[in-house]
Amino acid sequence: QRNVLAMSGRAVEAAGDVNVLLLDKTGTITFGNRQAVELLPVGG
């Protein structure tokens, strides 16, 4: 229903017992494209 195909019931069950998640930063934790957030002038 959430558009995920599990190749076996074992995989679904293993997901429930997971202790460690490895997550890529780009596109997973962050949006992936760096964005301008601040302008810092110099010399007056």
All heavy atoms as atom14 arrays in JSON, in Angstrom:
{
  "sequence": "QRNVLAMSGRAVEAAGDVNVLLLDKTGTITFGNRQAVELLPVGG",
  "atom14_mask": [
    [1, 1, 1, 1, 1, 1, 1, 1, 1, 0, 0, 0, 0, 0],
    [1, 1, 1, 1, 1, 1, 1, 1, 1, 1, 1, 0, 0, 0],
    [1, 1, 1, 1, 1, 1, 1, 1, 0, 0, 0, 0, 0, 0],
    [1, 1, 1, 1, 1, 1, 1, 0, 0, 0, 0, 0, 0, 0],
    [1, 1, 1, 1, 1, 1, 1, 1, 0, 0, 0, 0, 0, 0],
    [1, 1, 1, 1, 1, 0, 0, 0, 0, 0, 0, 0, 0, 0],
    [1, 1, 1, 1, 1, 1, 1, 1, 0, 0, 0, 0, 0, 0],
    [1, 1, 1, 1, 1, 1, 0, 0, 0, 0, 0, 0, 0, 0],
    [1, 1, 1, 1, 0, 0, 0, 0, 0, 0, 0, 0, 0, 0],
    [1, 1, 1, 1, 1, 1, 1, 1, 1, 1, 1, 0, 0, 0],
    [1, 1, 1, 1, 1, 0, 0, 0, 0, 0, 0, 0, 0, 0],
    [1, 1, 1, 1, 1, 1, 1, 0, 0, 0, 0, 0, 0, 0],
    [1, 1, 1, 1, 1, 1, 1, 1, 1, 0, 0, 0, 0, 0],
    [1, 1, 1, 1, 1, 0, 0, 0, 0, 0, 0, 0, 0, 0],
    [1, 1, 1, 1, 1, 0, 0, 0, 0, 0, 0, 0, 0, 0],
    [1, 1, 1, 1, 0, 0, 0, 0, 0, 0, 0, 0, 0, 0],
    [1, 1, 1, 1, 1, 1, 1, 1, 0, 0, 0, 0, 0, 0],
    [1, 1, 1, 1, 1, 1, 1, 0, 0, 0, 0, 0, 0, 0],
    [1, 1, 1, 1, 1, 1, 1, 1, 0, 0, 0, 0, 0, 0],
    [1, 1, 1, 1, 1, 1, 1, 0, 0, 0, 0, 0, 0, 0],
    [1, 1, 1, 1, 1, 1, 1, 1, 0, 0, 0, 0, 0, 0],
    [1, 1, 1, 1, 1, 1, 1, 1, 0, 0, 0, 0, 0, 0],
    [1, 1, 1, 1, 1, 1, 1, 1, 0, 0, 0, 0, 0, 0],
    [1, 1, 1, 1, 1, 1, 1, 1, 0, 0, 0, 0, 0, 0],
    [1, 1, 1, 1, 1, 1, 1, 1, 1, 0, 0, 0, 0, 0],
    [1, 1, 1, 1, 1, 1, 1, 0, 0, 0, 0, 0, 0, 0],
    [1, 1, 1, 1, 0, 0, 0, 0, 0, 0, 0, 0, 0, 0],
    [1, 1, 1, 1, 1, 1, 1, 0, 0, 0, 0, 0, 0, 0],
    [1, 1, 1, 1, 1, 1, 1, 1, 0, 0, 0, 0, 0, 0],
    [1, 1, 1, 1, 1, 1, 1, 0, 0, 0, 0, 0, 0, 0],
    [1, 1, 1, 1, 1, 1, 1, 1, 1, 1, 1, 0, 0, 0],
    [1, 1, 1, 1, 0, 0, 0, 0, 0, 0, 0, 0, 0, 0],
    [1, 1, 1, 1, 1, 1, 1, 1, 0, 0, 0, 0, 0, 0],
    [1, 1, 1, 1, 1, 1, 1, 1, 1, 1, 1, 0, 0, 0],
    [1, 1, 1, 1, 1, 1, 1, 1, 1, 0, 0, 0, 0, 0],
    [1, 1, 1, 1, 1, 0, 0, 0, 0, 0, 0, 0, 0, 0],
    [1, 1, 1, 1, 1, 1, 1, 0, 0, 0, 0, 0, 0, 0],
    [1, 1, 1, 1, 1, 1, 1, 1, 1, 0, 0, 0, 0, 0],
    [1, 1, 1, 1, 1, 1, 1, 1, 0, 0, 0, 0, 0, 0],
    [1, 1, 1, 1, 1, 1, 1, 1, 0, 0, 0, 0, 0, 0],
    [1, 1, 1, 1, 1, 1, 1, 0, 0, 0, 0, 0, 0, 0],
    [1, 1, 1, 1, 1, 1, 1, 0, 0, 0, 0, 0, 0, 0],
    [1, 1, 1, 1, 0, 0, 0, 0, 0, 0, 0, 0, 0, 0],
    [1, 1, 1, 1, 0, 0, 0, 0, 0, 0, 0, 0, 0, 0]
  ],
  "atom14_positions": [
    [[0.82, -1.2, 0.0], [0.0, 0.0, 0.0], [0.86, 1.26, 0.0], [0.42, 2.31, -0.47], [-0.93, 0.01, 1.22], [-2.03, -1.03, 1.17], [-2.82, -1.07, 2.47], [-2.61, -0.27, 3.36], [-3.71, -2.04, 2.58], [0.0, 0.0, 0.0], [0.0, 0.0, 0.0], [0.0, 0.0, 0.0], [0.0, 0.0, 0.0], [0.0, 0.0, 0.0]],
    [[2.07, 1.14, 0.52], [2.98, 2.28, 0.54], [4.01, 2.2, -0.58], [5.08, 2.79, -0.5], [3.68, 2.35, 1.9], [2.72, 2.77, 3.02], [3.31, 2.51, 4.39], [2.47, 3.03, 5.44], [1.41, 2.4, 5.94], [1.05, 1.22, 5.45], [0.69, 2.93, 6.91], [0.0, 0.0, 0.0], [0.0, 0.0, 0.0], [0.0, 0.0, 0.0]],
    [[3.69, 1.42, -1.61], [4.53, 1.32, -2.81], [5.91, 0.73, -2.52], [6.91, 1.14, -3.11], [4.68, 2.68, -3.49], [3.57, 2.93, -4.49], [2.7, 2.09, -4.68], [3.6, 4.07, -5.14], [0.0, 0.0, 0.0], [0.0, 0.0, 0.0], [0.0, 0.0, 0.0], [0.0, 0.0, 0.0], [0.0, 0.0, 0.0], [0.0, 0.0, 0.0]],
    [[5.97, -0.22, -1.6], [7.21, -0.94, -1.32], [6.98, -2.42, -1.58], [6.02, -3.0, -1.06], [7.67, -0.74, 0.15], [8.93, -1.55, 0.42], [7.93, 0.74, 0.42], [0.0, 0.0, 0.0], [0.0, 0.0, 0.0], [0.0, 0.0, 0.0], [0.0, 0.0, 0.0], [0.0, 0.0, 0.0], [0.0, 0.0, 0.0], [0.0, 0.0, 0.0]],
    [[7.84, -3.01, -2.39], [7.76, -4.44, -2.68], [8.78, -5.18, -1.85], [9.98, -4.95, -1.98], [8.01, -4.7, -4.16], [8.15, -6.17, -4.55], [6.84, -6.91, -4.31], [8.58, -6.31, -6.0], [0.0, 0.0, 0.0], [0.0, 0.0, 0.0], [0.0, 0.0, 0.0], [0.0, 0.0, 0.0], [0.0, 0.0, 0.0], [0.0, 0.0, 0.0]],
    [[8.3, -6.06, -0.96], [9.2, -6.89, -0.17], [9.37, -8.23, -0.88], [8.39, -8.87, -1.24], [8.63, -7.11, 1.23], [0.0, 0.0, 0.0], [0.0, 0.0, 0.0], [0.0, 0.0, 0.0], [0.0, 0.0, 0.0], [0.0, 0.0, 0.0], [0.0, 0.0, 0.0], [0.0, 0.0, 0.0], [0.0, 0.0, 0.0], [0.0, 0.0, 0.0]],
    [[10.62, -8.62, -1.1], [10.87, -9.86, -1.81], [10.54, -11.1, -0.98], [10.41, -12.19, -1.5], [12.35, -9.92, -2.24], [12.76, -8.76, -3.14], [11.73, -8.65, -4.6], [12.45, -7.23, -5.41], [0.0, 0.0, 0.0], [0.0, 0.0, 0.0], [0.0, 0.0, 0.0], [0.0, 0.0, 0.0], [0.0, 0.0, 0.0], [0.0, 0.0, 0.0]],
    [[10.41, -10.93, 0.35], [10.06, -12.06, 1.21], [9.48, -11.53, 2.51], [9.74, -10.39, 2.91], [11.3, -12.92, 1.52], [12.21, -12.2, 2.33], [0.0, 0.0, 0.0], [0.0, 0.0, 0.0], [0.0, 0.0, 0.0], [0.0, 0.0, 0.0], [0.0, 0.0, 0.0], [0.0, 0.0, 0.0], [0.0, 0.0, 0.0], [0.0, 0.0, 0.0]],
    [[8.69, -12.39, 3.17], [8.17, -12.02, 4.48], [9.28, -11.88, 5.5], [9.16, -11.13, 6.47], [0.0, 0.0, 0.0], [0.0, 0.0, 0.0], [0.0, 0.0, 0.0], [0.0, 0.0, 0.0], [0.0, 0.0, 0.0], [0.0, 0.0, 0.0], [0.0, 0.0, 0.0], [0.0, 0.0, 0.0], [0.0, 0.0, 0.0], [0.0, 0.0, 0.0]],
    [[10.39, -12.59, 5.28], [11.53, -12.51, 6.18], [12.05, -11.07, 6.25], [12.45, -10.59, 7.31], [12.64, -13.45, 5.7], [13.87, -13.48, 6.59], [14.99, -14.22, 5.88], [14.64, -15.61, 5.64], [14.99, -16.62, 6.43], [15.67, -16.37, 7.52], [14.66, -17.85, 6.13], [0.0, 0.0, 0.0], [0.0, 0.0, 0.0], [0.0, 0.0, 0.0]],
    [[12.04, -10.38, 5.09], [12.53, -9.01, 5.06], [11.65, -8.09, 5.9], [12.15, -7.21, 6.61], [12.6, -8.51, 3.62], [0.0, 0.0, 0.0], [0.0, 0.0, 0.0], [0.0, 0.0, 0.0], [0.0, 0.0, 0.0], [0.0, 0.0, 0.0], [0.0, 0.0, 0.0], [0.0, 0.0, 0.0], [0.0, 0.0, 0.0], [0.0, 0.0, 0.0]],
    [[10.33, -8.27, 5.82], [9.41, -7.44, 6.6], [9.65, -7.67, 8.09], [9.69, -6.73, 8.88], [7.95, -7.76, 6.25], [7.01, -6.79, 6.96], [7.74, -7.69, 4.75], [0.0, 0.0, 0.0], [0.0, 0.0, 0.0], [0.0, 0.0, 0.0], [0.0, 0.0, 0.0], [0.0, 0.0, 0.0], [0.0, 0.0, 0.0], [0.0, 0.0, 0.0]],
    [[9.8, -8.93, 8.45], [10.01, -9.28, 9.85], [11.34, -8.74, 10.35], [11.45, -8.23, 11.47], [9.96, -10.8, 10.01], [9.58, -11.25, 11.39], [9.26, -12.74, 11.38], [10.22, -13.53, 11.29], [8.08, -13.1, 11.46], [0.0, 0.0, 0.0], [0.0, 0.0, 0.0], [0.0, 0.0, 0.0], [0.0, 0.0, 0.0], [0.0, 0.0, 0.0]],
    [[12.38, -8.86, 9.51], [13.69, -8.36, 9.89], [13.64, -6.85, 10.11], [14.32, -6.32, 10.99], [14.72, -8.71, 8.82], [0.0, 0.0, 0.0], [0.0, 0.0, 0.0], [0.0, 0.0, 0.0], [0.0, 0.0, 0.0], [0.0, 0.0, 0.0], [0.0, 0.0, 0.0], [0.0, 0.0, 0.0], [0.0, 0.0, 0.0], [0.0, 0.0, 0.0]],
    [[12.83, -6.16, 9.31], [12.7, -4.71, 9.48], [12.2, -4.36, 10.87], [12.58, -3.33, 11.44], [11.76, -4.14, 8.42], [0.0, 0.0, 0.0], [0.0, 0.0, 0.0], [0.0, 0.0, 0.0], [0.0, 0.0, 0.0], [0.0, 0.0, 0.0], [0.0, 0.0, 0.0], [0.0, 0.0, 0.0], [0.0, 0.0, 0.0], [0.0, 0.0, 0.0]],
    [[11.35, -5.2, 11.41], [10.83, -4.95, 12.75], [11.84, -5.2, 13.85], [11.66, -4.73, 14.97], [0.0, 0.0, 0.0], [0.0, 0.0, 0.0], [0.0, 0.0, 0.0], [0.0, 0.0, 0.0], [0.0, 0.0, 0.0], [0.0, 0.0, 0.0], [0.0, 0.0, 0.0], [0.0, 0.0, 0.0], [0.0, 0.0, 0.0], [0.0, 0.0, 0.0]],
    [[12.91, -5.93, 13.54], [13.94, -6.25, 14.54], [15.22, -5.45, 14.34], [16.22, -5.7, 15.02], [14.28, -7.74, 14.48], [13.19, -8.6, 15.09], [12.54, -8.13, 16.04], [12.99, -9.74, 14.62], [0.0, 0.0, 0.0], [0.0, 0.0, 0.0], [0.0, 0.0, 0.0], [0.0, 0.0, 0.0], [0.0, 0.0, 0.0], [0.0, 0.0, 0.0]],
    [[15.21, -4.49, 13.42], [16.42, -3.74, 13.09], [16.93, -2.96, 14.29], [16.15, -2.36, 15.04], [16.14, -2.78, 11.9], [17.14, -1.66, 11.84], [16.14, -3.57, 10.6], [0.0, 0.0, 0.0], [0.0, 0.0, 0.0], [0.0, 0.0, 0.0], [0.0, 0.0, 0.0], [0.0, 0.0, 0.0], [0.0, 0.0, 0.0], [0.0, 0.0, 0.0]],
    [[18.25, -2.97, 14.47], [18.89, -2.21, 15.55], [19.62, -0.97, 15.04], [19.82, -0.02, 15.77], [19.91, -3.09, 16.3], [19.33, -4.4, 16.75], [19.66, -5.45, 16.2], [18.47, -4.35, 17.76], [0.0, 0.0, 0.0], [0.0, 0.0, 0.0], [0.0, 0.0, 0.0], [0.0, 0.0, 0.0], [0.0, 0.0, 0.0], [0.0, 0.0, 0.0]],
    [[20.07, -1.04, 13.77], [20.89, 0.04, 13.21], [20.34, 0.43, 11.84], [20.05, -0.44, 11.01], [22.37, -0.38, 13.06], [23.19, 0.75, 12.48], [22.93, -0.81, 14.41], [0.0, 0.0, 0.0], [0.0, 0.0, 0.0], [0.0, 0.0, 0.0], [0.0, 0.0, 0.0], [0.0, 0.0, 0.0], [0.0, 0.0, 0.0], [0.0, 0.0, 0.0]],
    [[20.19, 1.74, 11.61], [19.78, 2.26, 10.3], [20.93, 3.04, 9.69], [21.45, 3.97, 10.31], [18.57, 3.19, 10.44], [17.19, 2.59, 10.66], [16.15, 3.7, 10.66], [16.86, 1.58, 9.62], [0.0, 0.0, 0.0], [0.0, 0.0, 0.0], [0.0, 0.0, 0.0], [0.0, 0.0, 0.0], [0.0, 0.0, 0.0], [0.0, 0.0, 0.0]],
    [[21.33, 2.66, 8.47], [22.3, 3.44, 7.72], [21.54, 4.3, 6.73], [20.8, 3.78, 5.89], [23.28, 2.52, 6.96], [24.15, 1.58, 7.79], [25.19, 0.92, 6.9], [24.83, 2.3, 8.93], [0.0, 0.0, 0.0], [0.0, 0.0, 0.0], [0.0, 0.0, 0.0], [0.0, 0.0, 0.0], [0.0, 0.0, 0.0], [0.0, 0.0, 0.0]],
    [[21.72, 5.6, 6.81], [20.97, 6.53, 5.97], [21.93, 7.45, 5.22], [22.78, 8.1, 5.84], [20.03, 7.38, 6.82], [18.95, 6.61, 7.6], [18.44, 7.45, 8.76], [17.81, 6.25, 6.69], [0.0, 0.0, 0.0], [0.0, 0.0, 0.0], [0.0, 0.0, 0.0], [0.0, 0.0, 0.0], [0.0, 0.0, 0.0], [0.0, 0.0, 0.0]],
    [[21.81, 7.48, 3.89], [22.59, 8.44, 3.12], [22.16, 9.85, 3.5], [20.98, 10.12, 3.71], [22.38, 8.23, 1.63], [23.32, 7.17, 1.07], [24.4, 7.0, 1.63], [22.94, 6.51, 0.09], [0.0, 0.0, 0.0], [0.0, 0.0, 0.0], [0.0, 0.0, 0.0], [0.0, 0.0, 0.0], [0.0, 0.0, 0.0], [0.0, 0.0, 0.0]],
    [[23.13, 10.74, 3.54], [22.8, 12.13, 3.87], [22.01, 12.79, 2.75], [20.91, 13.28, 2.94], [24.08, 12.92, 4.14], [23.83, 14.38, 4.56], [25.01, 15.26, 4.27], [25.14, 15.51, 2.77], [26.19, 16.47, 2.41], [0.0, 0.0, 0.0], [0.0, 0.0, 0.0], [0.0, 0.0, 0.0], [0.0, 0.0, 0.0], [0.0, 0.0, 0.0]],
    [[22.58, 12.79, 1.55], [22.01, 13.53, 0.44], [20.72, 12.88, -0.05], [20.72, 11.72, -0.43], [23.01, 13.63, -0.72], [24.22, 14.19, -0.22], [22.46, 14.49, -1.84], [0.0, 0.0, 0.0], [0.0, 0.0, 0.0], [0.0, 0.0, 0.0], [0.0, 0.0, 0.0], [0.0, 0.0, 0.0], [0.0, 0.0, 0.0], [0.0, 0.0, 0.0]],
    [[19.64, 13.63, -0.03], [18.36, 13.14, -0.51], [17.57, 12.37, 0.52], [16.39, 12.1, 0.32], [0.0, 0.0, 0.0], [0.0, 0.0, 0.0], [0.0, 0.0, 0.0], [0.0, 0.0, 0.0], [0.0, 0.0, 0.0], [0.0, 0.0, 0.0], [0.0, 0.0, 0.0], [0.0, 0.0, 0.0], [0.0, 0.0, 0.0], [0.0, 0.0, 0.0]],
    [[18.21, 12.01, 1.62], [17.52, 11.27, 2.67], [17.33, 12.15, 3.89], [16.22, 12.46, 4.3], [18.29, 10.0, 3.04], [18.49, 9.2, 1.89], [17.54, 9.2, 4.09], [0.0, 0.0, 0.0], [0.0, 0.0, 0.0], [0.0, 0.0, 0.0], [0.0, 0.0, 0.0], [0.0, 0.0, 0.0], [0.0, 0.0, 0.0], [0.0, 0.0, 0.0]],
    [[18.45, 12.56, 4.47], [18.4, 13.45, 5.63], [18.3, 14.9, 5.19], [17.59, 15.7, 5.81], [19.64, 13.22, 6.52], [19.61, 11.79, 7.09], [19.71, 14.25, 7.65], [20.85, 11.42, 7.87], [0.0, 0.0, 0.0], [0.0, 0.0, 0.0], [0.0, 0.0, 0.0], [0.0, 0.0, 0.0], [0.0, 0.0, 0.0], [0.0, 0.0, 0.0]],
    [[18.99, 15.23, 4.11], [18.94, 16.59, 3.58], [18.24, 16.59, 2.22], [18.03, 15.54, 1.63], [20.35, 17.17, 3.41], [21.04, 16.43, 2.39], [21.13, 17.08, 4.72], [0.0, 0.0, 0.0], [0.0, 0.0, 0.0], [0.0, 0.0, 0.0], [0.0, 0.0, 0.0], [0.0, 0.0, 0.0], [0.0, 0.0, 0.0], [0.0, 0.0, 0.0]],
    [[17.9, 17.77, 1.74], [17.23, 17.87, 0.44], [18.15, 17.55, -0.71], [17.7, 17.26, -1.81], [16.65, 19.28, 0.26], [15.41, 19.52, 1.05], [15.45, 20.28, 2.21], [14.2, 18.98, 0.66], [14.3, 20.5, 2.95], [13.05, 19.2, 1.4], [13.1, 19.96, 2.55], [0.0, 0.0, 0.0], [0.0, 0.0, 0.0], [0.0, 0.0, 0.0]],
    [[19.45, 17.61, -0.49], [20.4, 17.24, -1.53], [21.01, 18.43, -2.23], [22.19, 18.43, -2.53], [0.0, 0.0, 0.0], [0.0, 0.0, 0.0], [0.0, 0.0, 0.0], [0.0, 0.0, 0.0], [0.0, 0.0, 0.0], [0.0, 0.0, 0.0], [0.0, 0.0, 0.0], [0.0, 0.0, 0.0], [0.0, 0.0, 0.0], [0.0, 0.0, 0.0]],
    [[20.25, 19.47, -2.5], [20.78, 20.67, -3.13], [21.04, 21.72, -2.04], [20.12, 22.11, -1.31], [19.8, 21.24, -4.15], [19.59, 20.28, -5.3], [20.51, 19.63, -5.75], [18.35, 20.19, -5.78], [0.0, 0.0, 0.0], [0.0, 0.0, 0.0], [0.0, 0.0, 0.0], [0.0, 0.0, 0.0], [0.0, 0.0, 0.0], [0.0, 0.0, 0.0]],
    [[22.28, 22.17, -1.96], [22.6, 23.2, -0.97], [21.89, 24.5, -1.34], [21.8, 24.85, -2.5], [24.11, 23.4, -0.89], [24.83, 22.17, -0.34], [26.33, 22.32, -0.37], [26.95, 21.11, 0.15], [27.56, 21.02, 1.33], [27.65, 22.09, 2.09], [28.08, 19.88, 1.73], [0.0, 0.0, 0.0], [0.0, 0.0, 0.0], [0.0, 0.0, 0.0]],
    [[21.43, 25.21, -0.32], [20.65, 26.42, -0.54], [21.28, 27.59, 0.2], [21.83, 27.43, 1.3], [19.21, 26.22, -0.06], [18.49, 25.09, -0.77], [17.1, 24.85, -0.21], [16.54, 25.71, 0.46], [16.54, 23.69, -0.49], [0.0, 0.0, 0.0], [0.0, 0.0, 0.0], [0.0, 0.0, 0.0], [0.0, 0.0, 0.0], [0.0, 0.0, 0.0]],
    [[21.18, 28.76, -0.39], [21.7, 29.97, 0.24], [20.83, 30.32, 1.44], [19.61, 30.43, 1.33], [21.71, 31.12, -0.76], [0.0, 0.0, 0.0], [0.0, 0.0, 0.0], [0.0, 0.0, 0.0], [0.0, 0.0, 0.0], [0.0, 0.0, 0.0], [0.0, 0.0, 0.0], [0.0, 0.0, 0.0], [0.0, 0.0, 0.0], [0.0, 0.0, 0.0]],
    [[21.46, 30.49, 2.59], [20.71, 30.78, 3.81], [21.12, 32.09, 4.47], [20.41, 32.6, 5.34], [20.87, 29.63, 4.84], [20.27, 28.35, 4.3], [22.33, 29.41, 5.21], [0.0, 0.0, 0.0], [0.0, 0.0, 0.0], [0.0, 0.0, 0.0], [0.0, 0.0, 0.0], [0.0, 0.0, 0.0], [0.0, 0.0, 0.0], [0.0, 0.0, 0.0]],
    [[22.28, 32.65, 4.05], [22.77, 33.85, 4.73], [23.77, 34.59, 3.84], [24.54, 33.97, 3.1], [23.45, 33.44, 6.05], [23.84, 34.58, 6.94], [24.47, 34.09, 8.24], [24.85, 32.9, 8.31], [24.59, 34.91, 9.19], [0.0, 0.0, 0.0], [0.0, 0.0, 0.0], [0.0, 0.0, 0.0], [0.0, 0.0, 0.0], [0.0, 0.0, 0.0]],
    [[23.75, 35.94, 3.93], [24.73, 36.77, 3.25], [25.58, 37.48, 4.3], [25.03, 38.11, 5.23], [24.04, 37.81, 2.35], [23.18, 37.27, 1.2], [22.59, 38.41, 0.4], [24.0, 36.35, 0.3], [0.0, 0.0, 0.0], [0.0, 0.0, 0.0], [0.0, 0.0, 0.0], [0.0, 0.0, 0.0], [0.0, 0.0, 0.0], [0.0, 0.0, 0.0]],
    [[26.9, 37.4, 4.15], [27.83, 37.95, 5.14], [28.72, 38.99, 4.47], [29.7, 38.65, 3.81], [28.68, 36.82, 5.74], [27.9, 35.64, 6.35], [28.84, 34.49, 6.67], [27.16, 36.08, 7.59], [0.0, 0.0, 0.0], [0.0, 0.0, 0.0], [0.0, 0.0, 0.0], [0.0, 0.0, 0.0], [0.0, 0.0, 0.0], [0.0, 0.0, 0.0]],
    [[28.41, 40.29, 4.62], [29.22, 41.33, 3.97], [30.55, 41.55, 4.68], [30.7, 41.22, 5.87], [28.32, 42.57, 4.07], [27.46, 42.32, 5.27], [27.25, 40.83, 5.34], [0.0, 0.0, 0.0], [0.0, 0.0, 0.0], [0.0, 0.0, 0.0], [0.0, 0.0, 0.0], [0.0, 0.0, 0.0], [0.0, 0.0, 0.0], [0.0, 0.0, 0.0]],
    [[31.52, 42.13, 3.98], [32.83, 42.47, 4.56], [33.19, 43.89, 4.16], [32.64, 44.46, 3.2], [33.93, 41.51, 4.07], [33.67, 40.1, 4.55], [34.06, 41.55, 2.56], [0.0, 0.0, 0.0], [0.0, 0.0, 0.0], [0.0, 0.0, 0.0], [0.0, 0.0, 0.0], [0.0, 0.0, 0.0], [0.0, 0.0, 0.0], [0.0, 0.0, 0.0]],
    [[34.13, 44.46, 4.91], [34.7, 45.76, 4.54], [33.69, 46.88, 4.49], [33.82, 47.79, 3.66], [0.0, 0.0, 0.0], [0.0, 0.0, 0.0], [0.0, 0.0, 0.0], [0.0, 0.0, 0.0], [0.0, 0.0, 0.0], [0.0, 0.0, 0.0], [0.0, 0.0, 0.0], [0.0, 0.0, 0.0], [0.0, 0.0, 0.0], [0.0, 0.0, 0.0]],
    [[32.68, 46.86, 5.36], [31.73, 47.96, 5.4], [30.67, 47.92, 4.32], [29.87, 48.87, 4.19], [0.0, 0.0, 0.0], [0.0, 0.0, 0.0], [0.0, 0.0, 0.0], [0.0, 0.0, 0.0], [0.0, 0.0, 0.0], [0.0, 0.0, 0.0], [0.0, 0.0, 0.0], [0.0, 0.0, 0.0], [0.0, 0.0, 0.0], [0.0, 0.0, 0.0]]
  ]
}
